[in-house]
N, C-alpha and C. Protein backbone atom coordinates (compact mmCIF):
# COMPACT_ATOMS: atom_id res chain seq x y z
N MET A 1 -18.52 -11.30 -25.00
CA MET A 1 -18.45 -9.86 -24.35
C MET A 1 -18.54 -8.90 -25.63
N ARG A 2 -19.28 -7.88 -25.25
CA ARG A 2 -19.53 -6.87 -26.26
C ARG A 2 -18.33 -6.07 -26.19
N ASN A 3 -17.83 -5.34 -27.25
CA ASN A 3 -16.97 -4.27 -27.29
C ASN A 3 -16.80 -3.25 -26.23
N LYS A 4 -18.04 -2.73 -25.91
CA LYS A 4 -18.22 -1.77 -24.92
C LYS A 4 -17.84 -2.43 -23.51
N ASP A 5 -18.19 -3.70 -23.34
CA ASP A 5 -17.83 -4.17 -22.05
C ASP A 5 -16.37 -4.53 -22.00
N ARG A 6 -15.73 -4.84 -23.17
CA ARG A 6 -14.20 -5.14 -23.16
C ARG A 6 -13.39 -3.84 -22.87
N ALA A 7 -13.88 -2.80 -23.40
CA ALA A 7 -13.45 -1.50 -23.25
C ALA A 7 -13.50 -0.86 -21.96
N ALA A 8 -14.67 -1.32 -21.16
CA ALA A 8 -14.80 -0.83 -19.80
C ALA A 8 -13.98 -1.86 -18.82
N VAL A 9 -13.75 -3.08 -19.22
CA VAL A 9 -12.83 -4.00 -18.29
C VAL A 9 -11.38 -3.45 -18.43
N ARG A 10 -11.10 -3.36 -19.74
CA ARG A 10 -9.69 -2.72 -19.88
C ARG A 10 -9.31 -1.51 -19.27
N ARG A 11 -10.30 -0.54 -19.30
CA ARG A 11 -10.05 0.75 -18.67
C ARG A 11 -9.90 0.41 -17.05
N LEU A 12 -10.70 -0.41 -16.46
CA LEU A 12 -10.59 -0.68 -15.01
C LEU A 12 -9.24 -1.41 -14.78
N LEU A 13 -9.00 -2.25 -15.46
CA LEU A 13 -7.86 -3.06 -15.33
C LEU A 13 -6.46 -2.18 -15.35
N THR A 14 -6.59 -1.16 -16.26
CA THR A 14 -5.40 -0.16 -16.42
C THR A 14 -5.25 0.68 -15.05
N HIS A 15 -6.15 0.52 -14.33
CA HIS A 15 -6.04 1.41 -12.95
C HIS A 15 -6.30 0.60 -11.76
N ALA A 16 -6.19 -0.66 -11.87
CA ALA A 16 -6.21 -1.53 -10.89
C ALA A 16 -4.97 -1.28 -9.81
N ARG A 17 -5.15 -1.57 -8.65
CA ARG A 17 -4.02 -1.64 -7.64
C ARG A 17 -4.25 -2.78 -6.82
N TYR A 18 -3.13 -3.27 -6.26
CA TYR A 18 -3.25 -4.52 -5.40
C TYR A 18 -3.26 -3.90 -4.03
N GLU A 19 -4.15 -4.72 -3.31
CA GLU A 19 -4.24 -4.43 -1.86
C GLU A 19 -3.53 -5.65 -1.17
N VAL A 20 -2.74 -5.50 -0.11
CA VAL A 20 -2.07 -6.65 0.69
C VAL A 20 -2.18 -6.32 2.21
N LEU A 21 -2.21 -7.39 2.94
CA LEU A 21 -1.79 -7.37 4.19
C LEU A 21 -0.45 -7.61 4.59
N PRO A 22 0.04 -6.90 5.52
CA PRO A 22 1.40 -7.22 5.86
C PRO A 22 2.00 -8.39 6.57
N THR A 23 1.75 -9.56 5.89
CA THR A 23 2.05 -10.85 6.55
C THR A 23 3.56 -11.10 6.25
N SER A 24 4.03 -12.11 6.86
CA SER A 24 5.53 -12.41 6.78
C SER A 24 5.86 -12.79 5.25
N THR A 25 4.87 -13.22 4.44
CA THR A 25 5.43 -13.74 3.19
C THR A 25 4.94 -12.80 2.00
N VAL A 26 4.09 -11.53 2.18
CA VAL A 26 3.71 -10.81 1.27
C VAL A 26 4.75 -10.10 0.48
N GLU A 27 5.73 -9.67 1.06
CA GLU A 27 6.80 -8.91 0.40
C GLU A 27 7.36 -9.56 -0.81
N ALA A 28 7.89 -10.91 -0.42
CA ALA A 28 8.35 -11.79 -1.61
C ALA A 28 7.35 -12.09 -2.39
N LYS A 29 6.24 -12.19 -2.30
CA LYS A 29 5.05 -12.16 -3.35
C LYS A 29 4.93 -11.14 -4.37
N VAL A 30 4.84 -9.99 -3.71
CA VAL A 30 4.66 -8.68 -4.18
C VAL A 30 5.80 -8.61 -5.25
N LEU A 31 7.04 -8.70 -4.73
CA LEU A 31 8.45 -8.47 -5.40
C LEU A 31 8.31 -9.41 -6.57
N GLU A 32 8.00 -10.69 -6.50
CA GLU A 32 8.07 -11.64 -7.56
C GLU A 32 6.92 -11.62 -8.58
N SER A 33 5.83 -10.99 -8.31
CA SER A 33 4.60 -10.97 -9.14
C SER A 33 3.95 -9.72 -9.67
N VAL A 34 4.22 -8.61 -8.98
CA VAL A 34 3.74 -7.37 -9.02
C VAL A 34 4.56 -6.44 -9.75
N PRO A 35 4.28 -6.00 -10.97
CA PRO A 35 5.20 -4.93 -11.70
C PRO A 35 5.24 -3.66 -10.82
N THR A 36 6.29 -3.11 -10.77
CA THR A 36 6.35 -1.74 -10.01
C THR A 36 5.45 -0.52 -10.55
N GLU A 37 4.82 -0.86 -11.64
CA GLU A 37 3.95 0.18 -12.47
C GLU A 37 2.51 -0.01 -11.55
N ILE A 38 2.24 -0.88 -10.91
CA ILE A 38 1.04 -1.18 -10.50
C ILE A 38 1.18 -0.64 -9.02
N PRO A 39 0.37 0.27 -8.46
CA PRO A 39 0.16 0.76 -7.14
C PRO A 39 -0.27 -0.36 -6.33
N VAL A 40 0.32 -0.44 -4.84
CA VAL A 40 0.14 -1.25 -3.93
C VAL A 40 -0.41 -0.70 -2.75
N THR A 41 -1.59 -0.95 -2.32
CA THR A 41 -1.95 -0.43 -0.93
C THR A 41 -1.70 -1.52 0.10
N ILE A 42 -1.22 -1.17 1.45
CA ILE A 42 -1.24 -2.00 2.45
C ILE A 42 -2.07 -1.75 3.60
N THR A 43 -2.92 -2.68 3.83
CA THR A 43 -4.00 -2.69 4.89
C THR A 43 -3.40 -2.64 6.42
N ALA A 44 -3.93 -1.64 7.14
CA ALA A 44 -3.68 -1.86 8.63
C ALA A 44 -4.44 -2.84 9.24
N SER A 45 -3.89 -3.68 9.81
CA SER A 45 -4.58 -4.97 10.45
C SER A 45 -4.39 -4.67 12.00
N PRO A 46 -5.48 -4.74 12.68
CA PRO A 46 -5.28 -4.73 14.14
C PRO A 46 -4.31 -5.72 14.72
N SER A 47 -4.61 -7.00 14.24
CA SER A 47 -3.78 -8.01 14.82
C SER A 47 -2.17 -7.99 14.32
N MET A 48 -1.83 -7.15 13.22
CA MET A 48 -0.58 -7.14 12.96
C MET A 48 0.02 -5.51 13.11
N GLY A 49 -0.63 -4.82 13.68
CA GLY A 49 -0.28 -3.47 14.08
C GLY A 49 0.26 -2.45 12.87
N LEU A 50 0.14 -1.21 13.30
CA LEU A 50 0.55 -0.06 12.24
C LEU A 50 2.19 -0.30 11.99
N ALA A 51 2.99 -0.85 12.89
CA ALA A 51 4.28 -0.82 12.50
C ALA A 51 4.72 -1.84 11.22
N ARG A 52 3.94 -2.94 11.39
CA ARG A 52 4.37 -3.80 10.05
C ARG A 52 3.63 -3.11 8.79
N THR A 53 2.73 -2.41 8.96
CA THR A 53 2.29 -1.52 7.78
C THR A 53 3.25 -0.39 7.07
N VAL A 54 3.81 0.05 8.08
CA VAL A 54 4.76 1.25 7.76
C VAL A 54 6.05 0.66 7.32
N GLU A 55 6.32 -0.55 7.83
CA GLU A 55 7.63 -1.07 7.59
C GLU A 55 7.77 -1.64 6.39
N LEU A 56 6.54 -2.45 5.92
CA LEU A 56 6.48 -2.92 4.66
C LEU A 56 6.38 -1.80 3.62
N THR A 57 5.58 -0.90 3.94
CA THR A 57 5.40 0.37 3.10
C THR A 57 6.92 1.01 2.68
N GLU A 58 7.71 1.19 3.60
CA GLU A 58 9.12 1.70 3.41
C GLU A 58 9.89 0.63 2.55
N ARG A 59 9.80 -0.48 2.68
CA ARG A 59 10.48 -1.47 2.06
C ARG A 59 10.02 -1.57 0.62
N LEU A 60 8.76 -1.68 0.25
CA LEU A 60 8.14 -1.52 -1.09
C LEU A 60 8.46 -0.29 -1.82
N THR A 61 8.28 0.64 -1.00
CA THR A 61 8.71 2.25 -1.63
C THR A 61 10.15 2.10 -2.13
N ALA A 62 11.05 1.63 -1.32
CA ALA A 62 12.37 1.56 -1.86
C ALA A 62 12.62 0.63 -2.89
N GLU A 63 11.89 -0.28 -3.13
CA GLU A 63 11.89 -1.01 -4.35
C GLU A 63 11.20 -0.58 -5.61
N GLY A 64 10.71 0.72 -5.57
CA GLY A 64 10.18 1.41 -6.72
C GLY A 64 8.69 1.40 -6.90
N TYR A 65 7.97 0.70 -5.80
CA TYR A 65 6.37 0.93 -5.94
C TYR A 65 5.86 2.01 -5.49
N ASP A 66 4.60 2.46 -5.95
CA ASP A 66 3.75 3.39 -5.48
C ASP A 66 3.06 2.61 -4.49
N VAL A 67 3.31 2.86 -3.22
CA VAL A 67 2.53 2.48 -2.07
C VAL A 67 1.63 3.32 -1.38
N VAL A 68 0.36 2.85 -1.00
CA VAL A 68 -0.55 3.60 -0.34
C VAL A 68 -0.93 2.98 0.98
N PRO A 69 -0.35 3.34 1.92
CA PRO A 69 -0.55 2.64 3.50
C PRO A 69 -2.06 3.05 4.01
N HIS A 70 -2.61 2.13 4.56
CA HIS A 70 -3.95 2.35 5.25
C HIS A 70 -3.46 2.80 6.76
N LEU A 71 -3.87 3.93 7.00
CA LEU A 71 -3.45 4.32 8.47
C LEU A 71 -4.57 4.22 9.24
N ALA A 72 -5.12 3.29 9.85
CA ALA A 72 -6.45 3.28 10.55
C ALA A 72 -6.38 4.33 11.72
N ALA A 73 -7.34 5.19 11.59
CA ALA A 73 -7.25 6.38 12.75
C ALA A 73 -7.50 5.60 14.06
N ARG A 74 -8.19 4.63 14.32
CA ARG A 74 -8.48 4.13 15.62
C ARG A 74 -7.08 3.40 16.21
N MET A 75 -6.08 3.26 15.14
CA MET A 75 -4.89 2.59 15.57
C MET A 75 -3.76 3.40 16.05
N VAL A 76 -4.15 4.72 15.72
CA VAL A 76 -3.00 5.86 16.03
C VAL A 76 -3.33 6.38 17.43
N SER A 77 -2.34 6.20 18.42
CA SER A 77 -2.48 6.73 19.62
C SER A 77 -2.83 7.92 19.98
N GLY A 78 -2.17 9.02 18.99
CA GLY A 78 -2.51 10.26 19.22
C GLY A 78 -1.43 11.10 18.46
N ARG A 79 -1.47 12.47 18.70
CA ARG A 79 -0.87 13.27 17.56
C ARG A 79 0.67 13.07 17.62
N THR A 80 1.35 12.58 18.48
CA THR A 80 2.88 12.23 18.56
C THR A 80 2.92 11.14 17.66
N GLU A 81 2.17 9.99 17.77
CA GLU A 81 2.33 8.90 17.00
C GLU A 81 2.28 9.18 15.36
N LEU A 82 1.16 10.04 15.34
CA LEU A 82 0.65 10.32 13.87
C LEU A 82 1.88 11.37 13.26
N GLU A 83 2.50 12.31 13.93
CA GLU A 83 3.54 13.16 13.32
C GLU A 83 4.68 12.06 13.06
N GLU A 84 5.09 11.10 13.83
CA GLU A 84 6.17 10.17 13.65
C GLU A 84 5.80 9.43 12.47
N LEU A 85 4.63 8.88 12.47
CA LEU A 85 4.31 8.21 11.07
C LEU A 85 4.32 9.07 9.84
N VAL A 86 3.95 10.27 9.92
CA VAL A 86 3.96 11.01 8.74
C VAL A 86 5.48 11.38 8.28
N GLU A 87 6.33 11.58 9.30
CA GLU A 87 7.77 11.73 9.08
C GLU A 87 8.28 10.52 8.45
N ARG A 88 8.36 9.43 8.79
CA ARG A 88 8.49 8.16 8.21
C ARG A 88 8.11 8.04 6.85
N LEU A 89 6.92 7.96 6.87
CA LEU A 89 6.32 7.98 5.29
C LEU A 89 6.96 9.13 4.23
N THR A 90 7.00 10.27 4.64
CA THR A 90 7.37 11.32 4.05
C THR A 90 8.78 11.15 3.59
N ALA A 91 9.60 10.58 4.64
CA ALA A 91 11.08 10.17 4.32
C ALA A 91 11.25 9.01 3.27
N ALA A 92 10.43 8.24 3.25
CA ALA A 92 10.22 6.97 2.40
C ALA A 92 9.97 7.28 0.95
N GLY A 93 9.17 8.73 0.77
CA GLY A 93 8.74 9.06 -0.48
C GLY A 93 7.20 8.65 -0.72
N VAL A 94 6.67 8.27 0.30
CA VAL A 94 5.18 8.18 0.19
C VAL A 94 4.48 9.37 0.03
N THR A 95 3.51 9.46 -0.81
CA THR A 95 2.90 10.84 -1.09
C THR A 95 1.08 10.47 -0.97
N ASN A 96 0.72 9.53 -0.46
CA ASN A 96 -0.63 9.25 -0.59
C ASN A 96 -0.88 8.30 0.54
N VAL A 97 -1.87 8.47 1.42
CA VAL A 97 -2.29 7.44 2.54
C VAL A 97 -3.70 7.52 2.35
N PHE A 98 -4.12 6.15 2.99
CA PHE A 98 -5.66 5.79 3.04
C PHE A 98 -5.93 6.08 4.62
């Protein structure tokens, strides 16, 4: 690998983040394997629902992670639910959503 390529890979890896699905085992895996300095994104899965995404976001944020939840617009039922989601995420300390 050329020095230029190494530098590019190093630069990309310093800005990497993990993307996870809110499965029943992912929280333990993140806590065990991912340093809190690495941002974590949590995908909104239609089969798992937004509630699991938000709950995992709250728990990982409380553990010191910078978490970016994915709030799929098609999964939000309306303005009231969106306001509730924003309130919960803001209270948890989330500053960025996808």
